[in-house]
Amino acid sequence: MTLKNDVVAAVLIVSTIILFVTENLFHYPIAVMSILGCIQMVRQKVFDQSLKHLCWIFFAVWLPMVLACFGSSNPLHSCKTTIAYLHFLPMGFYISVSCLQERVRMMVGKAIIFFCFVLVLDACFQFFSGRNLLGYPLQGSSVTGMFHPKQRLGLFLAILAPFFINFLWKRGSGLTLILMSALPYLFVILVSLKRNSWLMLFIGLMIFAFIECKGSFGKFSRIVGVASFVIFLVVSALFTSSPTFTKQMQHSYGLLSGNAQEIDRSSNHRLALWDVGLNMFEDNPILGIGPRGYRYDFKKYADPENFWVKNFDSGQTHPHLMSLEILVETGIIGFSMYLFVLMLLLKISINSASSDSAKFWLIAAFLAWLPFNTHLAFYGSYWASVAWTFLALGLRGVQSPAGHAK
């Protein structure tokens, strides 16, 4: 690729990532990459390991969607979702081929780090002043930053936390600089008040420590110990100084109560959604009810006393539990393939001998697809776009023959 093509590729990838702060604008650079990717797929004569893994993962997710359409209660919508999902393959293909060049990965990596710094600075400004740099106010009591009014800031930063920490780590930054950069990052994730982002952050940091300390339990223990102590200090400070954070923590206590009603209340009535999802799965265990079919069958399977039916006369668009969403909509076949994808992503990341920090883009995709994620839909266009963007970046980074970008 020429320098011009490399710059175009970097601009398209970075603009996609930046536009994730919007509701729909990220679709435009993704559409361009999908078209260019189709052209590259026609011309590509040799598929290297990165492209093979990309295809395996894509078809592991997509083929169960196709099968589920045959038994869908709303075949038109399920087919539309399944056909639309196809564009992630050429998009990923374009990203993977473009990022074969080390300079493209370097440009994208530096841009992501800079963007994370901007998001953190903007969110801190919003927390302390009431409005962010663009004038957006707090969303209720939650810090949303540039993602306003959507509460996606904490989720986005959480999946990129291992990449962000690795950037500081690999640059040989001293402990003071790492803490000065990491503490605001941690602070913003916590004050976003998205509990799922807290969990993704914790798991991401554990994976980071494991990857960086392979073969040294002592080093792993020290890193985890220091990280735990820092998190404890920040949480303690917020608990004593931030009423909204304290309220969210107290609201979460019910999750440990063992009482179904208390758990349902503390989970924002997720149990009522999961109960309906399990009923759907029991009736359609093999193929599921079709991609994005949960919303259409909700009333059919919900009890009249269900919280959502009783109070809103409707359900939600998905069950707000990623593993259950996949079981409900693509059945055991889809769920088995999903577990295969997760294990493959983790295996590639951990076993990668590359010094390229892009392996943590792959971890970002892994975190985005954790089974117990309760935020956005697995088959929804927004979160799928986020996951596939970082997945394609990561696969190329860890499997590039010239993978040495830090």
Protein backbone atom coordinates (compact mmCIF):
# COMPACT_ATOMS: atom_id res chain seq x y z
CA MET A 1 0.00 0.00 0.00
CA THR A 2 1.11 3.54 -0.71
CA LEU A 3 1.39 6.21 1.96
CA LYS A 4 -1.79 7.80 0.60
CA ASN A 5 -3.72 4.54 0.97
CA ASP A 6 -2.33 4.06 4.47
CA VAL A 7 -3.48 7.52 5.53
CA VAL A 8 -6.94 6.93 4.03
CA ALA A 9 -7.22 3.63 5.90
CA ALA A 10 -6.12 5.19 9.19
CA VAL A 11 -8.57 8.07 8.75
CA LEU A 12 -11.47 5.70 8.06
CA ILE A 13 -10.68 3.49 11.06
CA VAL A 14 -10.05 6.37 13.45
CA SER A 15 -13.12 8.30 12.29
CA THR A 16 -15.23 5.19 12.93
CA ILE A 17 -13.90 4.93 16.48
CA ILE A 18 -14.40 8.63 17.17
CA LEU A 19 -17.92 8.58 15.73
CA PHE A 20 -18.93 5.87 18.19
CA VAL A 21 -19.76 8.83 20.43
CA THR A 22 -22.73 9.45 18.12
CA GLU A 23 -25.89 7.45 17.60
CA ASN A 24 -25.51 6.64 13.89
CA LEU A 25 -22.73 8.60 12.16
CA PHE A 26 -20.19 5.78 12.56
CA HIS A 27 -22.17 3.85 9.94
CA TYR A 28 -20.80 6.09 7.17
CA PRO A 29 -17.07 5.24 7.45
CA ILE A 30 -18.03 1.63 8.12
CA ALA A 31 -20.05 1.61 4.88
CA VAL A 32 -17.04 2.94 2.96
CA MET A 33 -14.75 0.33 4.51
CA SER A 34 -17.28 -2.41 3.69
CA ILE A 35 -17.36 -1.40 0.02
CA LEU A 36 -13.57 -1.21 -0.18
CA GLY A 37 -13.37 -4.51 1.66
CA CYS A 38 -15.61 -6.20 -0.94
CA ILE A 39 -13.22 -5.05 -3.64
CA GLN A 40 -10.23 -6.36 -1.69
CA MET A 41 -11.92 -9.73 -1.07
CA VAL A 42 -12.40 -10.20 -4.81
CA ARG A 43 -8.76 -9.35 -5.50
CA GLN A 44 -7.24 -11.23 -2.55
CA LYS A 45 -5.52 -14.41 -3.70
CA VAL A 46 -3.93 -15.60 -0.45
CA PHE A 47 -5.62 -15.58 2.95
CA ASP A 48 -3.12 -15.39 5.79
CA GLN A 49 -3.83 -16.57 9.34
CA SER A 50 -5.35 -13.25 10.38
CA LEU A 51 -7.87 -13.30 7.53
CA LYS A 52 -8.67 -16.97 8.14
CA HIS A 53 -9.39 -16.30 11.80
CA LEU A 54 -11.53 -13.33 10.82
CA CYS A 55 -13.61 -15.53 8.51
CA TRP A 56 -13.90 -18.35 11.07
CA ILE A 57 -15.12 -15.96 13.75
CA PHE A 58 -17.53 -14.20 11.42
CA PHE A 59 -19.18 -17.37 10.15
CA ALA A 60 -19.29 -18.83 13.67
CA VAL A 61 -21.48 -15.86 14.60
CA TRP A 62 -23.37 -15.42 11.33
CA LEU A 63 -24.34 -18.97 10.30
CA PRO A 64 -26.39 -19.59 13.49
CA MET A 65 -28.20 -16.34 12.68
CA VAL A 66 -29.08 -17.75 9.25
CA LEU A 67 -30.36 -21.01 10.76
CA ALA A 68 -32.40 -19.13 13.37
CA CYS A 69 -34.25 -17.24 10.64
CA PHE A 70 -36.01 -20.46 9.56
CA GLY A 71 -37.86 -20.73 12.86
CA SER A 72 -38.19 -17.03 13.57
CA SER A 73 -41.49 -15.65 14.81
CA ASN A 74 -40.72 -12.50 12.81
CA PRO A 75 -38.78 -13.82 9.82
CA LEU A 76 -38.76 -10.50 7.94
CA HIS A 77 -36.98 -8.60 10.71
CA SER A 78 -34.65 -11.51 11.51
CA CYS A 79 -33.67 -11.82 7.85
CA LYS A 80 -33.05 -8.07 7.61
CA THR A 81 -30.80 -8.23 10.67
CA THR A 82 -28.95 -11.27 9.34
CA ILE A 83 -28.40 -9.78 5.89
CA ALA A 84 -27.30 -6.43 7.35
CA TYR A 85 -24.80 -8.25 9.59
CA LEU A 86 -22.93 -9.41 6.47
CA HIS A 87 -21.22 -6.03 6.08
CA PHE A 88 -18.99 -6.72 9.10
CA LEU A 89 -17.01 -9.30 7.09
CA PRO A 90 -15.78 -6.97 4.30
CA MET A 91 -15.35 -4.16 6.86
CA GLY A 92 -13.15 -6.42 8.99
CA PHE A 93 -11.36 -7.61 5.86
CA TYR A 94 -10.52 -4.01 4.90
CA ILE A 95 -9.25 -3.19 8.38
CA SER A 96 -7.17 -6.35 8.53
CA VAL A 97 -5.56 -5.87 5.12
CA SER A 98 -4.96 -2.15 5.71
CA CYS A 99 -3.37 -2.74 9.09
CA LEU A 100 -0.85 -5.13 7.61
CA GLN A 101 1.26 -1.99 7.38
CA GLU A 102 2.89 -1.17 10.71
CA ARG A 103 2.52 2.59 10.19
CA VAL A 104 -1.27 2.23 9.89
CA ARG A 105 -1.42 0.39 13.22
CA MET A 106 0.81 3.01 14.79
CA MET A 107 -1.35 5.89 13.54
CA VAL A 108 -4.53 4.17 14.72
CA GLY A 109 -3.02 3.24 18.08
CA LYS A 110 -1.78 6.76 18.83
CA ALA A 111 -5.10 8.23 17.73
CA ILE A 112 -7.01 5.89 20.06
CA ILE A 113 -4.81 6.83 23.01
CA PHE A 114 -5.25 10.55 22.27
CA PHE A 115 -9.00 10.06 21.93
CA CYS A 116 -9.14 8.28 25.29
CA PHE A 117 -7.29 11.19 26.92
CA VAL A 118 -9.78 13.63 25.36
CA LEU A 119 -12.76 11.58 26.55
CA VAL A 120 -11.40 11.42 30.09
CA LEU A 121 -10.60 15.15 30.19
CA ASP A 122 -14.01 16.03 28.80
CA ALA A 123 -15.81 13.74 31.27
CA CYS A 124 -13.89 15.15 34.24
CA PHE A 125 -14.86 18.65 33.13
CA GLN A 126 -18.50 17.56 32.92
CA PHE A 127 -18.40 15.97 36.38
CA PHE A 128 -16.98 19.04 38.12
CA SER A 129 -18.69 21.80 36.13
CA GLY A 130 -21.98 20.15 35.22
CA ARG A 131 -21.35 20.43 31.46
CA ASN A 132 -18.74 18.95 29.18
CA LEU A 133 -16.56 20.81 26.67
CA LEU A 134 -19.35 20.63 24.07
CA GLY A 135 -21.91 21.98 26.52
CA TYR A 136 -23.67 18.69 27.22
CA PRO A 137 -25.07 18.46 30.76
CA LEU A 138 -24.96 15.49 33.07
CA GLN A 139 -27.50 12.83 32.16
CA GLY A 140 -29.36 12.73 35.42
CA SER A 141 -26.52 12.03 37.82
CA SER A 142 -24.37 10.11 35.32
CA VAL A 143 -21.29 11.36 33.49
CA THR A 144 -21.86 10.77 29.77
CA GLY A 145 -19.26 13.09 28.22
CA MET A 146 -19.30 13.20 24.43
CA PHE A 147 -21.62 10.17 24.30
CA HIS A 148 -24.48 12.30 25.67
CA PRO A 149 -27.32 11.47 26.08
CA LYS A 150 -26.37 7.78 25.85
CA GLN A 151 -24.66 6.22 28.87
CA ARG A 152 -21.92 4.50 26.87
CA LEU A 153 -18.82 6.38 28.05
CA GLY A 154 -17.94 3.94 30.84
CA LEU A 155 -18.49 0.92 28.59
CA PHE A 156 -16.26 2.30 25.84
CA LEU A 157 -13.42 3.25 28.20
CA ALA A 158 -13.67 -0.04 30.10
CA ILE A 159 -13.04 -2.25 27.07
CA LEU A 160 -10.07 -0.06 26.06
CA ALA A 161 -8.56 0.08 29.56
CA PRO A 162 -6.06 -2.79 28.97
CA PHE A 163 -4.85 -1.10 25.77
CA PHE A 164 -4.55 2.25 27.55
CA ILE A 165 -2.61 0.79 30.51
CA ASN A 166 -0.40 -1.20 28.16
CA PHE A 167 0.47 1.99 26.27
CA LEU A 168 1.71 3.59 29.49
CA TRP A 169 3.41 0.37 30.58
CA LYS A 170 5.33 -0.22 27.34
CA ARG A 171 6.53 3.37 27.14
CA GLY A 172 8.46 2.76 30.34
CA SER A 173 6.46 5.44 32.13
CA GLY A 174 7.27 5.77 35.80
CA LEU A 175 4.76 4.82 38.45
CA THR A 176 3.89 8.46 39.06
CA LEU A 177 3.03 9.12 35.40
CA ILE A 178 1.05 5.88 35.15
CA LEU A 179 -0.99 6.80 38.21
CA MET A 180 -1.53 10.37 37.00
CA SER A 181 -2.94 9.02 33.73
CA ALA A 182 -4.74 5.93 35.03
CA LEU A 183 -6.46 7.51 38.04
CA PRO A 184 -8.61 9.96 35.99
CA TYR A 185 -9.39 7.10 33.58
CA LEU A 186 -10.56 4.92 36.48
CA PHE A 187 -12.42 7.86 38.03
CA VAL A 188 -14.45 8.49 34.86
CA ILE A 189 -15.44 4.83 34.51
CA LEU A 190 -16.64 4.79 38.12
CA VAL A 191 -18.63 8.05 37.92
CA SER A 192 -20.28 6.90 34.69
CA LEU A 193 -22.30 4.77 37.14
CA LYS A 194 -22.47 1.83 34.72
CA ARG A 195 -21.90 -1.21 36.91
CA ASN A 196 -21.24 -3.43 33.92
CA SER A 197 -18.34 -1.16 32.95
CA TRP A 198 -16.88 -1.64 36.44
CA LEU A 199 -16.96 -5.40 35.95
CA MET A 200 -15.46 -5.22 32.46
CA LEU A 201 -12.70 -2.97 33.80
CA PHE A 202 -11.85 -5.44 36.55
CA ILE A 203 -11.72 -8.43 34.19
CA GLY A 204 -9.76 -6.45 31.60
CA LEU A 205 -7.12 -5.47 34.16
CA MET A 206 -6.84 -9.08 35.36
CA ILE A 207 -6.28 -10.26 31.77
CA PHE A 208 -3.72 -7.50 31.24
CA ALA A 209 -1.82 -8.55 34.36
CA PHE A 210 -1.92 -12.22 33.33
CA ILE A 211 -0.64 -11.51 29.80
CA GLU A 212 2.14 -9.23 30.97
CA CYS A 213 3.26 -11.52 33.83
CA LYS A 214 3.08 -14.95 32.23
CA GLY A 215 5.23 -17.35 34.21
CA SER A 216 5.68 -15.03 37.16
CA PHE A 217 3.02 -15.42 39.83
CA GLY A 218 4.89 -13.04 42.10
CA LYS A 219 4.85 -10.25 39.52
CA PHE A 220 1.20 -10.94 38.77
CA SER A 221 0.33 -10.73 42.47
CA ARG A 222 2.20 -7.45 42.90
CA ILE A 223 0.46 -5.81 39.93
CA VAL A 224 -2.96 -7.03 41.04
CA GLY A 225 -2.24 -5.94 44.59
CA VAL A 226 -1.20 -2.42 43.58
CA ALA A 227 -4.15 -2.09 41.19
CA SER A 228 -6.58 -3.31 43.85
CA PHE A 229 -5.19 -0.86 46.40
CA VAL A 230 -5.51 2.07 43.95
CA ILE A 231 -9.08 1.08 43.05
CA PHE A 232 -9.91 0.77 46.75
CA LEU A 233 -8.61 4.29 47.42
CA VAL A 234 -10.58 5.83 44.53
CA VAL A 235 -13.77 3.97 45.44
CA SER A 236 -13.41 4.99 49.09
CA ALA A 237 -12.89 8.63 48.12
CA LEU A 238 -15.96 8.59 45.86
CA PHE A 239 -18.01 6.77 48.47
CA THR A 240 -17.40 9.52 50.97
CA SER A 241 -17.62 12.50 48.60
CA SER A 242 -20.07 11.62 45.81
CA PRO A 243 -23.73 11.10 46.80
CA THR A 244 -24.63 9.71 43.36
CA PHE A 245 -21.84 7.12 43.46
CA THR A 246 -22.79 6.18 47.02
CA LYS A 247 -26.42 5.78 45.97
CA GLN A 248 -25.43 3.51 43.08
CA MET A 249 -23.29 1.38 45.39
CA GLN A 250 -26.10 1.08 47.92
CA HIS A 251 -28.50 0.25 45.10
CA SER A 252 -26.19 -2.63 44.18
CA TYR A 253 -26.21 -4.22 47.63
CA GLY A 254 -29.49 -5.97 46.83
CA LEU A 255 -27.72 -8.10 44.20
CA LEU A 256 -26.11 -10.00 47.08
CA SER A 257 -29.27 -10.30 49.20
CA GLY A 258 -30.44 -13.70 47.98
CA ASN A 259 -33.99 -12.33 47.79
CA ALA A 260 -35.49 -12.49 44.30
CA GLN A 261 -37.50 -9.28 44.64
CA GLU A 262 -34.53 -7.38 46.02
CA ILE A 263 -32.24 -8.71 43.28
CA ASP A 264 -34.79 -7.73 40.64
CA ARG A 265 -35.03 -4.20 42.03
CA SER A 266 -31.25 -3.80 42.32
CA SER A 267 -30.72 -5.13 38.80
CA ASN A 268 -33.18 -2.56 37.43
CA HIS A 269 -35.73 -5.33 36.92
CA ARG A 270 -33.47 -7.50 34.81
CA LEU A 271 -34.88 -10.67 36.40
CA ALA A 272 -38.25 -9.92 34.82
CA LEU A 273 -36.52 -9.79 31.42
CA TRP A 274 -34.47 -12.93 32.04
CA ASP A 275 -37.52 -14.90 33.15
CA VAL A 276 -39.22 -14.16 29.83
CA GLY A 277 -36.02 -15.02 27.95
CA LEU A 278 -35.77 -18.41 29.64
CA ASN A 279 -39.38 -19.16 28.69
CA MET A 280 -38.53 -18.36 25.07
CA PHE A 281 -35.43 -20.56 25.18
CA GLU A 282 -37.37 -23.51 26.61
CA ASP A 283 -39.70 -23.40 23.60
CA ASN A 284 -36.92 -22.84 21.02
CA PRO A 285 -33.74 -24.42 22.42
CA ILE A 286 -31.94 -25.48 19.23
CA LEU A 287 -32.26 -22.65 16.71
CA GLY A 288 -33.77 -19.88 18.82
CA ILE A 289 -36.47 -17.38 17.86
CA GLY A 290 -34.36 -15.46 15.34
CA PRO A 291 -31.98 -12.48 15.61
CA ARG A 292 -33.56 -9.48 17.34
CA GLY A 293 -36.76 -11.51 17.86
CA TYR A 294 -36.95 -11.01 21.63
CA ARG A 295 -38.89 -7.74 21.38
CA TYR A 296 -41.59 -9.30 19.17
CA ASP A 297 -42.22 -12.35 21.36
CA PHE A 298 -41.97 -10.63 24.73
CA LYS A 299 -45.69 -10.26 25.45
CA LYS A 300 -46.38 -13.78 24.25
CA TYR A 301 -44.10 -15.26 26.93
CA ALA A 302 -44.44 -12.68 29.71
CA ASP A 303 -46.68 -13.12 32.71
CA PRO A 304 -49.40 -10.44 33.03
CA GLU A 305 -47.79 -9.44 36.33
CA ASN A 306 -44.37 -9.02 34.72
CA PHE A 307 -42.88 -5.66 35.74
CA TRP A 308 -42.46 -4.44 32.17
CA VAL A 309 -45.91 -5.50 30.99
CA LYS A 310 -47.62 -4.19 34.09
CA ASN A 311 -45.89 -0.80 34.10
CA PHE A 312 -45.09 -0.12 30.45
CA ASP A 313 -47.30 -2.57 28.53
CA SER A 314 -44.18 -3.67 26.65
CA GLY A 315 -40.80 -5.31 27.14
CA GLN A 316 -37.29 -4.43 26.07
CA THR A 317 -35.58 -4.94 22.73
CA HIS A 318 -33.28 -7.59 24.25
CA PRO A 319 -32.97 -9.44 27.59
CA HIS A 320 -30.01 -7.37 28.83
CA LEU A 321 -27.81 -10.41 29.37
CA MET A 322 -25.58 -11.22 26.41
CA SER A 323 -25.37 -14.98 26.94
CA LEU A 324 -29.15 -15.25 27.35
CA GLU A 325 -29.77 -13.05 24.29
CA ILE A 326 -27.72 -15.46 22.17
CA LEU A 327 -29.43 -18.53 23.66
CA VAL A 328 -32.87 -17.02 23.06
CA GLU A 329 -32.28 -15.75 19.53
CA THR A 330 -29.92 -18.34 17.99
CA GLY A 331 -30.33 -21.26 20.39
CA ILE A 332 -27.80 -23.78 21.57
CA ILE A 333 -26.10 -23.76 18.17
CA GLY A 334 -25.49 -20.02 18.31
CA PHE A 335 -24.41 -20.15 21.94
CA SER A 336 -21.91 -22.96 21.27
CA MET A 337 -20.36 -20.98 18.42
CA TYR A 338 -20.28 -17.88 20.63
CA LEU A 339 -18.31 -19.72 23.32
CA PHE A 340 -15.94 -21.00 20.62
CA VAL A 341 -15.35 -17.41 19.48
CA LEU A 342 -14.64 -16.19 23.02
CA MET A 343 -12.17 -19.01 23.70
CA LEU A 344 -10.45 -18.40 20.36
CA LEU A 345 -10.08 -14.67 21.04
CA LEU A 346 -8.65 -15.31 24.49
CA LYS A 347 -6.31 -18.03 23.22
CA ILE A 348 -4.94 -15.86 20.40
CA SER A 349 -4.40 -12.93 22.77
CA ILE A 350 -2.67 -14.89 25.51
CA ASN A 351 -0.54 -17.05 23.22
CA SER A 352 0.53 -14.24 20.91
CA ALA A 353 4.31 -13.93 20.73
CA SER A 354 4.01 -10.56 19.01
CA SER A 355 5.24 -7.51 20.86
CA ASP A 356 2.44 -5.52 19.20
CA SER A 357 0.20 -3.90 21.79
CA ALA A 358 -2.70 -4.44 19.40
CA LYS A 359 -3.38 -7.74 21.18
CA PHE A 360 -5.27 -5.57 23.64
CA TRP A 361 -7.60 -4.47 20.85
CA LEU A 362 -8.52 -8.14 20.68
CA ILE A 363 -9.09 -8.11 24.42
CA ALA A 364 -11.39 -5.10 23.87
CA ALA A 365 -13.56 -7.25 21.57
CA PHE A 366 -13.46 -10.08 24.13
CA LEU A 367 -14.62 -7.73 26.89
CA ALA A 368 -17.35 -6.32 24.66
CA TRP A 369 -18.73 -9.84 24.23
CA LEU A 370 -18.50 -11.12 27.82
CA PRO A 371 -21.38 -13.54 28.60
CA PHE A 372 -22.63 -11.58 31.60
CA ASN A 373 -22.68 -8.16 29.92
CA THR A 374 -26.05 -6.58 30.68
CA HIS A 375 -25.87 -3.41 28.61
CA LEU A 376 -26.21 -3.36 24.82
CA ALA A 377 -27.45 -6.06 22.46
CA PHE A 378 -25.02 -8.58 20.94
CA TYR A 379 -26.84 -8.49 17.60
CA GLY A 380 -27.51 -4.74 17.77
CA SER A 381 -25.73 -2.62 15.18
CA TYR A 382 -23.99 -0.26 17.60
CA TRP A 383 -22.22 -2.70 19.90
CA ALA A 384 -21.56 -5.16 17.08
CA SER A 385 -19.82 -2.35 15.17
CA VAL A 386 -17.65 -1.57 18.20
CA ALA A 387 -16.71 -5.21 18.74
CA TRP A 388 -15.96 -6.01 15.09
CA THR A 389 -13.83 -2.89 14.63
CA PHE A 390 -11.52 -3.80 17.50
CA LEU A 391 -11.61 -7.50 16.65
CA ALA A 392 -10.33 -6.86 13.12
CA LEU A 393 -7.66 -4.48 14.44
CA GLY A 394 -6.56 -6.99 17.04
CA LEU A 395 -6.38 -10.02 14.76
CA ARG A 396 -4.10 -8.17 12.37
CA GLY A 397 -1.95 -6.76 15.15
CA VAL A 398 -1.22 -10.05 16.90
CA GLN A 399 -0.74 -12.03 13.69
CA SER A 400 1.11 -9.57 11.49
CA PRO A 401 4.54 -10.79 10.40
CA ALA A 402 5.80 -7.30 11.08
CA GLY A 403 3.87 -6.82 14.30
CA HIS A 404 6.12 -4.62 16.40
CA ALA A 405 4.11 -1.43 16.83
CA LYS A 406 3.86 -0.48 20.43
